[in-house]
């Protein structure tokens, strides 16, 4: 649904996006990550036809952003970081106005407004003035305006920014409910949000793509061996450790925190050894209760920081008199 090839955006001497390429398939929710000034918002503005690219090509739903911007806009819903709402208008009034702008036939507008209000859970406040809503509800109104014409592609820039934990949860659940029907690019600084909402991740740093992968694959970066966390109830720690150390393919067993009444261990396997089935079998055969068994890897936060460390690059740029990404 989205294809970017060699995309570059330059402002005078500053290059905000440098020859990036990626694809997003139909129905996917993709997390778009990067530090402030990394090029996320610039890329999204090119995809939504707010900015023309300096070089390269981008297509959305098969339409070129430079040659067919009107068709691109018909096929996308865009929620910028600050929702484009009019605080003096009522919700229904505002959504009716947006529906007319987006070309929905007059006879279908009322029905469509009711549908998006129900889908975004704002039906109970749809007659209220937008300026009197909480920020969480204003974000929902922003999402409602983005989906009112039922576009195949949604581009959401920091949709949970500034929300409290409960509001963040509600917006994440809403975004998850939109997957399948819509292809979604989600820009965010909240890494737990990516883990909970997204199947794939694009990480950009200093205007360049540094990773495009699934969330699961990113967690395995930097590990040549399998690492597994287990939690066992109804046994002594020493007995469990001895049992796990005897499982074929196990290289190391280390204690870790566990819930009350259980013991926990991190088990590292030998290279190329797949140890999870054997670990489960050994624990069950010993007559203990296996309460948790999960693969371990680097946290997404660790991976993100490792991929976006740019102190050296920034220092070299300053020495050479080159512009530094802000």
C-alpha atoms as a PDB file:
ATOM      1  CA  UNK A   1       0.000   0.000   0.000  1.00  0.00           C
ATOM      2  CA  UNK A   2       2.933   2.324   0.633  1.00  0.00           C
ATOM      3  CA  UNK A   3       6.186   2.176  -1.316  1.00  0.00           C
ATOM      4  CA  UNK A   4       9.090   4.565  -0.826  1.00  0.00           C
ATOM      5  CA  UNK A   5      12.148   4.413  -3.110  1.00  0.00           C
ATOM      6  CA  UNK A   6      15.250   6.574  -2.660  1.00  0.00           C
ATOM      7  CA  UNK A   7      13.261   9.387  -1.045  1.00  0.00           C
ATOM      8  CA  UNK A   8      15.228  12.558  -0.248  1.00  0.00           C
ATOM      9  CA  UNK A   9      14.035  15.883   1.155  1.00  0.00           C
ATOM     10  CA  UNK A  10      16.459  18.805   1.270  1.00  0.00           C
ATOM     11  CA  UNK A  11      16.034  22.274   2.789  1.00  0.00           C
ATOM     12  CA  UNK A  12      18.810  24.519   1.418  1.00  0.00           C
ATOM     13  CA  UNK A  13      21.986  22.960   2.877  1.00  0.00           C
ATOM     14  CA  UNK A  14      20.153  20.751   5.357  1.00  0.00           C
ATOM     15  CA  UNK A  15      19.096  17.259   4.229  1.00  0.00           C
ATOM     16  CA  UNK A  16      16.203  16.116   6.416  1.00  0.00           C
ATOM     17  CA  UNK A  17      15.634  12.754   4.688  1.00  0.00           C
ATOM     18  CA  UNK A  18      18.432  10.964   2.865  1.00  0.00           C
ATOM     19  CA  UNK A  19      17.686   8.397   0.172  1.00  0.00           C
ATOM     20  CA  UNK A  20      15.331   6.205   2.238  1.00  0.00           C
ATOM     21  CA  UNK A  21      13.389   3.181   0.974  1.00  0.00           C
ATOM     22  CA  UNK A  22      10.739   0.984   2.608  1.00  0.00           C
ATOM     23  CA  UNK A  23       7.400  -0.712   1.942  1.00  0.00           C
ATOM     24  CA  UNK A  24       4.262  -1.189   4.043  1.00  0.00           C
ATOM     25  CA  UNK A  25       1.869  -3.973   3.110  1.00  0.00           C
ATOM     26  CA  UNK A  26      -1.916  -3.951   3.139  1.00  0.00           C
ATOM     27  CA  UNK A  27      -3.474  -4.140   6.609  1.00  0.00           C
ATOM     28  CA  UNK A  28      -0.188  -3.737   8.503  1.00  0.00           C
ATOM     29  CA  UNK A  29       0.401  -1.461  11.481  1.00  0.00           C
ATOM     30  CA  UNK A  30       3.983  -0.220  11.224  1.00  0.00           C
ATOM     31  CA  UNK A  31       5.768   1.743  13.923  1.00  0.00           C
ATOM     32  CA  UNK A  32       7.869   4.643  12.619  1.00  0.00           C
ATOM     33  CA  UNK A  33      10.515   5.457  15.237  1.00  0.00           C
ATOM     34  CA  UNK A  34      13.230   8.053  15.559  1.00  0.00           C
ATOM     35  CA  UNK A  35      14.544  10.783  17.802  1.00  0.00           C
ATOM     36  CA  UNK A  36      13.303  14.358  17.477  1.00  0.00           C
ATOM     37  CA  UNK A  37      14.606  15.728  14.174  1.00  0.00           C
ATOM     38  CA  UNK A  38      15.343  12.281  12.761  1.00  0.00           C
ATOM     39  CA  UNK A  39      13.120  12.822   9.702  1.00  0.00           C
ATOM     40  CA  UNK A  40       9.880  11.107  10.788  1.00  0.00           C
ATOM     41  CA  UNK A  41       7.532  14.057  10.393  1.00  0.00           C
ATOM     42  CA  UNK A  42       9.178  15.171   7.141  1.00  0.00           C
ATOM     43  CA  UNK A  43       8.656  11.686   5.685  1.00  0.00           C
ATOM     44  CA  UNK A  44       5.022  11.654   6.774  1.00  0.00           C
ATOM     45  CA  UNK A  45       4.422  15.084   5.276  1.00  0.00           C
ATOM     46  CA  UNK A  46       5.833  13.888   1.957  1.00  0.00           C
ATOM     47  CA  UNK A  47       3.579  10.812   2.059  1.00  0.00           C
ATOM     48  CA  UNK A  48       0.551  13.005   2.749  1.00  0.00           C
ATOM     49  CA  UNK A  49       1.507  15.467  -0.020  1.00  0.00           C
ATOM     50  CA  UNK A  50       2.093  18.395   2.337  1.00  0.00           C
ATOM     51  CA  UNK A  51       5.712  18.546   1.104  1.00  0.00           C
ATOM     52  CA  UNK A  52       7.164  17.595  -2.297  1.00  0.00           C
ATOM     53  CA  UNK A  53      10.196  15.289  -2.287  1.00  0.00           C
ATOM     54  CA  UNK A  54      13.522  16.651  -3.536  1.00  0.00           C
ATOM     55  CA  UNK A  55      14.396  13.305  -5.112  1.00  0.00           C
ATOM     56  CA  UNK A  56      13.157   9.739  -5.187  1.00  0.00           C
ATOM     57  CA  UNK A  57       9.651   8.353  -5.403  1.00  0.00           C
ATOM     58  CA  UNK A  58       6.785   7.518  -3.058  1.00  0.00           C
ATOM     59  CA  UNK A  59       3.444   5.910  -3.842  1.00  0.00           C
ATOM     60  CA  UNK A  60       0.393   5.484  -1.640  1.00  0.00           C
ATOM     61  CA  UNK A  61      -2.334   3.045  -2.691  1.00  0.00           C
ATOM     62  CA  UNK A  62      -0.652   2.942  -6.108  1.00  0.00           C
ATOM     63  CA  UNK A  63      -0.658   6.735  -6.636  1.00  0.00           C
ATOM     64  CA  UNK A  64       2.479   8.869  -6.910  1.00  0.00           C
ATOM     65  CA  UNK A  65       2.710  11.645  -4.288  1.00  0.00           C
ATOM     66  CA  UNK A  66       4.270  14.085  -6.743  1.00  0.00           C
ATOM     67  CA  UNK A  67       2.297  13.329  -9.907  1.00  0.00           C
ATOM     68  CA  UNK A  68      -1.090  12.307  -8.396  1.00  0.00           C
ATOM     69  CA  UNK A  69      -1.418  14.189  -5.081  1.00  0.00           C
ATOM     70  CA  UNK A  70      -5.202  14.540  -5.317  1.00  0.00           C
ATOM     71  CA  UNK A  71      -5.639  10.765  -5.656  1.00  0.00           C
ATOM     72  CA  UNK A  72      -3.200  10.164  -2.777  1.00  0.00           C
ATOM     73  CA  UNK A  73      -5.175  12.471  -0.501  1.00  0.00           C
ATOM     74  CA  UNK A  74      -8.391  10.620  -1.324  1.00  0.00           C
ATOM     75  CA  UNK A  75      -6.787   7.395  -0.102  1.00  0.00           C
ATOM     76  CA  UNK A  76      -5.226   8.557   3.158  1.00  0.00           C
ATOM     77  CA  UNK A  77      -6.378   9.714   6.556  1.00  0.00           C
ATOM     78  CA  UNK A  78      -3.876  11.885   8.409  1.00  0.00           C
ATOM     79  CA  UNK A  79      -3.682  12.722  12.095  1.00  0.00           C
ATOM     80  CA  UNK A  80      -0.857  15.202  12.787  1.00  0.00           C
ATOM     81  CA  UNK A  81       0.573  15.502  16.300  1.00  0.00           C
ATOM     82  CA  UNK A  82      -1.853  18.345  17.035  1.00  0.00           C
ATOM     83  CA  UNK A  83      -5.337  17.267  15.863  1.00  0.00           C
ATOM     84  CA  UNK A  84      -6.730  19.613  13.163  1.00  0.00           C
ATOM     85  CA  UNK A  85      -9.928  20.461  15.029  1.00  0.00           C
ATOM     86  CA  UNK A  86     -11.868  23.700  15.456  1.00  0.00           C
ATOM     87  CA  UNK A  87     -12.443  24.156  19.227  1.00  0.00           C
ATOM     88  CA  UNK A  88     -15.494  26.388  18.755  1.00  0.00           C
ATOM     89  CA  UNK A  89     -17.382  23.715  16.751  1.00  0.00           C
ATOM     90  CA  UNK A  90     -19.435  20.792  18.027  1.00  0.00           C
ATOM     91  CA  UNK A  91     -18.160  17.295  17.214  1.00  0.00           C
ATOM     92  CA  UNK A  92     -21.013  16.398  14.841  1.00  0.00           C
ATOM     93  CA  UNK A  93     -20.815  19.804  13.188  1.00  0.00           C
ATOM     94  CA  UNK A  94     -17.057  19.455  12.701  1.00  0.00           C
ATOM     95  CA  UNK A  95     -17.219  15.904  11.342  1.00  0.00           C
ATOM     96  CA  UNK A  96     -20.007  16.924   8.950  1.00  0.00           C
ATOM     97  CA  UNK A  97     -17.798  19.758   7.729  1.00  0.00           C
ATOM     98  CA  UNK A  98     -14.850  17.358   7.222  1.00  0.00           C
ATOM     99  CA  UNK A  99     -17.068  14.840   5.426  1.00  0.00           C
ATOM    100  CA  UNK A 100     -18.108  17.509   2.927  1.00  0.00           C
ATOM    101  CA  UNK A 101     -14.484  18.509   2.369  1.00  0.00           C
ATOM    102  CA  UNK A 102     -13.595  14.888   1.660  1.00  0.00           C
ATOM    103  CA  UNK A 103     -16.325  14.480  -0.937  1.00  0.00           C
ATOM    104  CA  UNK A 104     -18.753  12.188   0.860  1.00  0.00           C
ATOM    105  CA  UNK A 105     -22.188  12.478  -0.825  1.00  0.00           C
ATOM    106  CA  UNK A 106     -24.643  14.615   1.159  1.00  0.00           C
ATOM    107  CA  UNK A 107     -27.080  11.731   1.578  1.00  0.00           C
ATOM    108  CA  UNK A 108     -24.429   9.580   3.283  1.00  0.00           C
ATOM    109  CA  UNK A 109     -22.834  12.141   5.590  1.00  0.00           C
ATOM    110  CA  UNK A 110     -25.115  11.753   8.632  1.00  0.00           C
ATOM    111  CA  UNK A 111     -24.776   7.971   8.540  1.00  0.00           C
ATOM    112  CA  UNK A 112     -21.001   8.171   8.177  1.00  0.00           C
ATOM    113  CA  UNK A 113     -20.691  10.656  11.059  1.00  0.00           C
ATOM    114  CA  UNK A 114     -22.678   8.295  13.305  1.00  0.00           C
ATOM    115  CA  UNK A 115     -20.492   5.337  12.235  1.00  0.00           C
ATOM    116  CA  UNK A 116     -17.172   7.018  13.015  1.00  0.00           C
ATOM    117  CA  UNK A 117     -18.505   8.402  16.308  1.00  0.00           C
ATOM    118  CA  UNK A 118     -19.454   4.888  17.334  1.00  0.00           C
ATOM    119  CA  UNK A 119     -16.151   3.417  16.153  1.00  0.00           C
ATOM    120  CA  UNK A 120     -14.073   5.990  18.008  1.00  0.00           C
ATOM    121  CA  UNK A 121     -16.316   5.876  21.111  1.00  0.00           C
ATOM    122  CA  UNK A 122     -17.329   9.535  21.014  1.00  0.00           C
ATOM    123  CA  UNK A 123     -21.012   9.002  20.352  1.00  0.00           C
ATOM    124  CA  UNK A 124     -21.936   9.962  23.920  1.00  0.00           C
ATOM    125  CA  UNK A 125     -20.303  13.386  23.524  1.00  0.00           C
ATOM    126  CA  UNK A 126     -20.893  14.094  19.825  1.00  0.00           C
ATOM    127  CA  UNK A 127     -23.038  17.152  20.560  1.00  0.00           C
ATOM    128  CA  UNK A 128     -20.412  18.764  22.813  1.00  0.00           C
ATOM    129  CA  UNK A 129     -18.151  21.643  21.832  1.00  0.00           C
ATOM    130  CA  UNK A 130     -14.679  20.350  20.926  1.00  0.00           C
ATOM    131  CA  UNK A 131     -12.915  22.997  23.012  1.00  0.00           C
ATOM    132  CA  UNK A 132     -14.574  21.622  26.156  1.00  0.00           C
ATOM    133  CA  UNK A 133     -13.325  18.048  25.597  1.00  0.00           C
ATOM    134  CA  UNK A 134     -10.403  16.394  27.367  1.00  0.00           C
ATOM    135  CA  UNK A 135      -7.259  15.844  25.305  1.00  0.00           C
ATOM    136  CA  UNK A 136      -8.050  12.131  25.030  1.00  0.00           C
ATOM    137  CA  UNK A 137     -11.418  12.872  23.468  1.00  0.00           C
ATOM    138  CA  UNK A 138      -9.876  15.451  21.121  1.00  0.00           C
ATOM    139  CA  UNK A 139      -7.467  12.758  19.921  1.00  0.00           C
ATOM    140  CA  UNK A 140     -10.447  10.500  19.239  1.00  0.00           C
ATOM    141  CA  UNK A 141     -12.104  13.291  17.251  1.00  0.00           C
ATOM    142  CA  UNK A 142      -8.833  13.633  15.301  1.00  0.00           C
ATOM    143  CA  UNK A 143      -8.887   9.936  14.469  1.00  0.00           C
ATOM    144  CA  UNK A 144     -12.577  10.185  13.531  1.00  0.00           C
ATOM    145  CA  UNK A 145     -11.835  12.911  10.974  1.00  0.00           C
ATOM    146  CA  UNK A 146      -8.999  10.797   9.583  1.00  0.00           C
ATOM    147  CA  UNK A 147     -11.207   7.750   8.962  1.00  0.00           C
ATOM    148  CA  UNK A 148     -14.512   9.417   8.054  1.00  0.00           C
ATOM    149  CA  UNK A 149     -14.003   8.798   4.304  1.00  0.00           C
ATOM    150  CA  UNK A 150     -12.859   5.212   5.064  1.00  0.00           C
ATOM    151  CA  UNK A 151      -9.382   5.544   3.497  1.00  0.00           C
ATOM    152  CA  UNK A 152      -7.218   2.442   2.962  1.00  0.00           C
ATOM    153  CA  UNK A 153      -4.179   4.177   4.526  1.00  0.00           C
ATOM    154  CA  UNK A 154      -3.873   5.973   7.874  1.00  0.00           C
ATOM    155  CA  UNK A 155      -0.852   8.052   8.915  1.00  0.00           C
ATOM    156  CA  UNK A 156      -0.854   8.872  12.616  1.00  0.00           C
ATOM    157  CA  UNK A 157       1.778  11.198  14.086  1.00  0.00           C
ATOM    158  CA  UNK A 158       2.185  10.793  17.883  1.00  0.00           C
ATOM    159  CA  UNK A 159      -1.504   9.873  18.443  1.00  0.00           C
ATOM    160  CA  UNK A 160      -1.054   9.326  22.210  1.00  0.00           C
ATOM    161  CA  UNK A 161       1.288  12.259  22.912  1.00  0.00           C
ATOM    162  CA  UNK A 162       0.390  14.022  26.159  1.00  0.00           C
ATOM    163  CA  UNK A 163      -2.326  11.547  27.165  1.00  0.00           C
ATOM    164  CA  UNK A 164      -2.569   9.913  30.581  1.00  0.00           C
ATOM    165  CA  UNK A 165      -2.076   6.098  30.800  1.00  0.00           C
ATOM    166  CA  UNK A 166      -5.801   5.325  30.633  1.00  0.00           C
ATOM    167  CA  UNK A 167      -6.308   7.594  27.620  1.00  0.00           C
ATOM    168  CA  UNK A 168      -3.252   6.038  25.931  1.00  0.00           C
ATOM    169  CA  UNK A 169      -4.764   2.578  26.440  1.00  0.00           C
ATOM    170  CA  UNK A 170      -8.083   3.619  24.889  1.00  0.00           C
ATOM    171  CA  UNK A 171      -6.391   5.158  21.830  1.00  0.00           C
ATOM    172  CA  UNK A 172      -4.158   2.071  21.376  1.00  0.00           C
ATOM    173  CA  UNK A 173      -7.207  -0.181  21.489  1.00  0.00           C
ATOM    174  CA  UNK A 174      -8.879   2.025  18.900  1.00  0.00           C
ATOM    175  CA  UNK A 175      -5.837   1.886  16.597  1.00  0.00           C
ATOM    176  CA  UNK A 176      -5.639  -1.905  16.985  1.00  0.00           C
ATOM    177  CA  UNK A 177      -9.319  -2.180  15.997  1.00  0.00           C
ATOM    178  CA  UNK A 178      -8.553  -0.311  12.765  1.00  0.00           C
ATOM    179  CA  UNK A 179      -5.902  -2.804  11.595  1.00  0.00           C
ATOM    180  CA  UNK A 180      -6.865  -5.094   8.734  1.00  0.00           C
ATOM    181  CA  UNK A 181      -9.345  -2.549   7.384  1.00  0.00           C
ATOM    182  CA  UNK A 182      -6.599   0.075   7.128  1.00  0.00           C
ATOM    183  CA  UNK A 183      -2.852   0.150   6.543  1.00  0.00           C
ATOM    184  CA  UNK A 184      -1.389   2.255   9.349  1.00  0.00           C
ATOM    185  CA  UNK A 185       1.909   4.085   9.865  1.00  0.00           C
ATOM    186  CA  UNK A 186       2.207   5.038  13.513  1.00  0.00           C
ATOM    187  CA  UNK A 187       4.866   7.545  14.576  1.00  0.00           C
ATOM    188  CA  UNK A 188       5.553   7.538  18.313  1.00  0.00           C
ATOM    189  CA  UNK A 189       8.185   8.015  21.006  1.00  0.00           C
ATOM    190  CA  UNK A 190       6.484   5.463  23.290  1.00  0.00           C
ATOM    191  CA  UNK A 191       8.276   2.180  22.619  1.00  0.00           C
ATOM    192  CA  UNK A 192       5.834   0.054  24.630  1.00  0.00           C
ATOM    193  CA  UNK A 193       3.132   1.363  22.293  1.00  0.00           C
ATOM    194  CA  UNK A 194       5.019  -0.056  19.311  1.00  0.00           C
ATOM    195  CA  UNK A 195       5.401  -3.443  20.995  1.00  0.00           C
ATOM    196  CA  UNK A 196       1.687  -3.595  21.783  1.00  0.00           C
ATOM    197  CA  UNK A 197       0.307  -2.187  18.530  1.00  0.00           C
ATOM    198  CA  UNK A 198       2.717  -2.835  15.650  1.00  0.00           C
ATOM    199  CA  UNK A 199       3.785  -5.902  13.680  1.00  0.00           C
ATOM    200  CA  UNK A 200       6.757  -4.205  12.014  1.00  0.00           C
ATOM    201  CA  UNK A 201       9.071  -1.310  12.829  1.00  0.00           C
ATOM    202  CA  UNK A 202      10.960   1.281  10.765  1.00  0.00           C
ATOM    203  CA  UNK A 203      13.705   3.151  12.649  1.00  0.00           C
ATOM    204  CA  UNK A 204      15.121   6.355  11.170  1.00  0.00           C
ATOM    205  CA  UNK A 205      18.148   8.266  12.445  1.00  0.00           C
ATOM    206  CA  UNK A 206      19.650  11.478  11.039  1.00  0.00           C
ATOM    207  CA  UNK A 207      17.395  11.148   8.005  1.00  0.00           C
ATOM    208  CA  UNK A 208      18.481   7.583   7.193  1.00  0.00           C
ATOM    209  CA  UNK A 209      16.721   4.256   7.701  1.00  0.00           C
ATOM    210  CA  UNK A 210      18.740   2.167  10.170  1.00  0.00           C
ATOM    211  CA  UNK A 211      16.326  -0.768  10.618  1.00  0.00           C
ATOM    212  CA  UNK A 212      13.243  -2.254   8.977  1.00  0.00           C
ATOM    213  CA  UNK A 213      12.108  -5.438  10.686  1.00  0.00           C
ATOM    214  CA  UNK A 214       9.404  -7.181  12.685  1.00  0.00           C
ATOM    215  CA  UNK A 215       9.187  -6.452  16.403  1.00  0.00           C
ATOM    216  CA  UNK A 216      10.035 -10.091  17.165  1.00  0.00           C
ATOM    217  CA  UNK A 217      13.115 -10.045  14.948  1.00  0.00           C
ATOM    218  CA  UNK A 218      14.363  -6.794  16.479  1.00  0.00           C
ATOM    219  CA  UNK A 219      14.228  -8.356  19.926  1.00  0.00           C
ATOM    220  CA  UNK A 220      16.626 -11.056  18.725  1.00  0.00           C
ATOM    221  CA  UNK A 221      19.215  -8.596  17.397  1.00  0.00           C
ATOM    222  CA  UNK A 222      22.668  -9.113  18.812  1.00  0.00           C
ATOM    223  CA  UNK A 223      21.910 -12.611  20.126  1.00  0.00           C
ATOM    224  CA  UNK A 224      23.497 -15.591  18.369  1.00  0.00           C
ATOM    225  CA  UNK A 225      21.971 -17.978  20.898  1.00  0.00           C
ATOM    226  CA  UNK A 226      18.485 -18.520  22.266  1.00  0.00           C
ATOM    227  CA  UNK A 227      17.740 -17.058  25.692  1.00  0.00           C
ATOM    228  CA  UNK A 228      14.667 -18.235  27.603  1.00  0.00           C
ATOM    229  CA  UNK A 229      12.983 -17.078  30.810  1.00  0.00           C
ATOM    230  CA  UNK A 230      11.185 -19.673  32.940  1.00  0.00           C
ATOM    231  CA  UNK A 231       9.184 -19.543  36.131  1.00  0.00           C
ATOM    232  CA  UNK A 232       8.441 -22.674  38.131  1.00  0.00           C
ATOM    233  CA  UNK A 233       6.142 -23.169  41.132  1.00  0.00           C
ATOM    234  CA  UNK A 234       6.197 -25.968  43.681  1.00  0.00           C
ATOM    235  CA  UNK A 235       9.934 -26.636  43.713  1.00  0.00           C
ATOM    236  CA  UNK A 236      13.196 -25.633  45.386  1.00  0.00           C
ATOM    237  CA  UNK A 237      15.425 -23.299  43.398  1.00  0.00           C
ATOM    238  CA  UNK A 238      18.433 -25.593  43.717  1.00  0.00           C
ATOM    239  CA  UNK A 239      16.502 -28.588  42.386  1.00  0.00           C
ATOM    240  CA  UNK A 240      15.143 -26.623  39.421  1.00  0.00           C
ATOM    241  CA  UNK A 241      18.573 -25.210  38.563  1.00  0.00           C
ATOM    242  CA  UNK A 242      20.133 -28.690  38.620  1.00  0.00           C
ATOM    243  CA  UNK A 243      17.366 -30.054  36.387  1.00  0.00           C
ATOM    244  CA  UNK A 244      17.659 -27.193  33.866  1.00  0.00           C
ATOM    245  CA  UNK A 245      21.456 -27.443  33.694  1.00  0.00           C
ATOM    246  CA  UNK A 246      21.112 -31.058  32.561  1.00  0.00           C
ATOM    247  CA  UNK A 247      18.833 -30.246  29.593  1.00  0.00           C
ATOM    248  CA  UNK A 248      20.627 -30.859  26.266  1.00  0.00           C
ATOM    249  CA  UNK A 249      21.672 -27.614  24.575  1.00  0.00           C
ATOM    250  CA  UNK A 250      21.732 -25.496  27.749  1.00  0.00           C
ATOM    251  CA  UNK A 251      24.888 -23.425  28.195  1.00  0.00           C
ATOM    252  CA  UNK A 252      24.069 -21.363  31.294  1.00  0.00           C
ATOM    253  CA  UNK A 253      21.364 -20.998  33.973  1.00  0.00           C
ATOM    254  CA  UNK A 254      21.038 -17.739  35.936  1.00  0.00           C
ATOM    255  CA  UNK A 255      18.538 -16.860  38.682  1.00  0.00           C
ATOM    256  CA  UNK A 256      16.027 -14.088  37.976  1.00  0.00           C
ATOM    257  CA  UNK A 257      13.109 -12.506  39.838  1.00  0.00           C
ATOM    258  CA  UNK A 258       9.850 -14.428  40.001  1.00  0.00           C
ATOM    259  CA  UNK A 259       6.409 -14.072  41.480  1.00  0.00           C
ATOM    260  CA  UNK A 260       5.749 -15.081  45.072  1.00  0.00           C
ATOM    261  CA  UNK A 261       5.730 -18.854  45.518  1.00  0.00           C
ATOM    262  CA  UNK A 262       7.781 -19.480  42.364  1.00  0.00           C
ATOM    263  CA  UNK A 263      11.429 -19.503  41.282  1.00  0.00           C
ATOM    264  CA  UNK A 264      12.723 -17.917  38.098  1.00  0.00           C
ATOM    265  CA  UNK A 265      15.684 -18.499  35.805  1.00  0.00           C
ATOM    266  CA  UNK A 266      17.169 -17.160  32.588  1.00  0.00           C
ATOM    267  CA  UNK A 267      18.559 -19.982  30.477  1.00  0.00           C
ATOM    268  CA  UNK A 268      20.987 -19.392  27.636  1.00  0.00           C
ATOM    269  CA  UNK A 269      21.338 -22.101  25.005  1.00  0.00           C
ATOM    270  CA  UNK A 270      24.307 -23.214  22.990  1.00  0.00           C
ATOM    271  CA  UNK A 271      24.660 -21.706  19.521  1.00  0.00           C
ATOM    272  CA  UNK A 272      21.953 -22.947  17.110  1.00  0.00           C
ATOM    273  CA  UNK A 273      20.243 -24.947  19.895  1.00  0.00           C
ATOM    274  CA  UNK A 274      16.435 -24.622  20.213  1.00  0.00           C
ATOM    275  CA  UNK A 275      15.920 -25.369  23.904  1.00  0.00           C
ATOM    276  CA  UNK A 276      12.361 -24.315  24.748  1.00  0.00           C
ATOM    277  CA  UNK A 277      10.610 -27.655  24.093  1.00  0.00           C
ATOM    278  CA  UNK A 278      13.217 -29.586  26.098  1.00  0.00           C
ATOM    279  CA  UNK A 279      13.029 -27.145  29.006  1.00  0.00           C
ATOM    280  CA  UNK A 280       9.240 -27.461  29.181  1.00  0.00           C
ATOM    281  CA  UNK A 281       9.440 -31.232  28.984  1.00  0.00           C
ATOM    282  CA  UNK A 282      12.039 -31.448  31.760  1.00  0.00           C
ATOM    283  CA  UNK A 283      10.023 -29.263  34.140  1.00  0.00           C
ATOM    284  CA  UNK A 284       6.737 -31.080  33.533  1.00  0.00           C
ATOM    285  CA  UNK A 285       8.380 -34.511  33.842  1.00  0.00           C
ATOM    286  CA  UNK A 286       9.832 -33.457  37.199  1.00  0.00           C
ATOM    287  CA  UNK A 287       6.292 -32.863  38.449  1.00  0.00           C
ATOM    288  CA  UNK A 288       6.562 -29.107  38.874  1.00  0.00           C
ATOM    289  CA  UNK A 289       4.208 -26.381  37.680  1.00  0.00           C
ATOM    290  CA  UNK A 290       5.553 -24.417  34.709  1.00  0.00           C
ATOM    291  CA  UNK A 291       4.007 -20.962  35.179  1.00  0.00           C
ATOM    292  CA  UNK A 292       6.020 -19.071  32.546  1.00  0.00           C
ATOM    293  CA  UNK A 293       8.269 -19.849  29.594  1.00  0.00           C
ATOM    294  CA  UNK A 294       9.139 -17.065  27.177  1.00  0.00           C
ATOM    295  CA  UNK A 295      11.938 -16.102  24.782  1.00  0.00           C
ATOM    296  CA  UNK A 296      14.118 -13.219  25.944  1.00  0.00           C
ATOM    297  CA  UNK A 297      15.970 -10.643  23.901  1.00  0.00           C
ATOM    298  CA  UNK A 298      17.187  -7.082  23.990  1.00  0.00           C
ATOM    299  CA  UNK A 299      14.464  -4.645  24.960  1.00  0.00           C
ATOM    300  CA  UNK A 300      13.145  -2.452  22.176  1.00  0.00           C
ATOM    301  CA  UNK A 301      14.461   0.537  24.113  1.00  0.00           C
ATOM    302  CA  UNK A 302      18.018  -0.902  24.123  1.00  0.00           C
ATOM    303  CA  UNK A 303      17.804  -1.672  20.413  1.00  0.00           C
ATOM    304  CA  UNK A 304      16.474   1.800  19.603  1.00  0.00           C
ATOM    305  CA  UNK A 305      19.222   3.533  21.591  1.00  0.00           C
ATOM    306  CA  UNK A 306      21.891   1.347  20.019  1.00  0.00           C
ATOM    307  CA  UNK A 307      20.678   2.095  16.479  1.00  0.00           C
ATOM    308  CA  UNK A 308      20.222   5.825  17.010  1.00  0.00           C
ATOM    309  CA  UNK A 309      23.393   6.717  18.900  1.00  0.00           C
ATOM    310  CA  UNK A 310      24.773   9.565  16.828  1.00  0.00           C
ATOM    311  CA  UNK A 311      27.152  11.462  19.111  1.00  0.00           C
ATOM    312  CA  UNK A 312      30.155  10.506  16.977  1.00  0.00           C
ATOM    313  CA  UNK A 313      28.415  11.392  13.740  1.00  0.00           C
ATOM    314  CA  UNK A 314      27.249  14.745  15.116  1.00  0.00           C
ATOM    315  CA  UNK A 315      30.731  15.594  16.407  1.00  0.00           C
ATOM    316  CA  UNK A 316      32.306  14.803  13.043  1.00  0.00           C
ATOM    317  CA  UNK A 317      29.690  16.917  11.266  1.00  0.00           C
ATOM    318  CA  UNK A 318      30.448  19.912  13.491  1.00  0.00           C
ATOM    319  CA  UNK A 319      34.196  19.520  12.882  1.00  0.00           C
ATOM    320  CA  UNK A 320      33.647  19.456   9.139  1.00  0.00           C
ATOM    321  CA  UNK A 321      31.291  22.437   9.232  1.00  0.00           C
ATOM    322  CA  UNK A 322      28.386  20.283   7.990  1.00  0.00           C
ATOM    323  CA  UNK A 323      24.803  20.901   9.173  1.00  0.00           C
ATOM    324  CA  UNK A 324      23.725  18.767  12.125  1.00  0.00           C
ATOM    325  CA  UNK A 325      20.205  17.327  12.317  1.00  0.00           C
ATOM    326  CA  UNK A 326      18.289  19.112  15.005  1.00  0.00           C
END
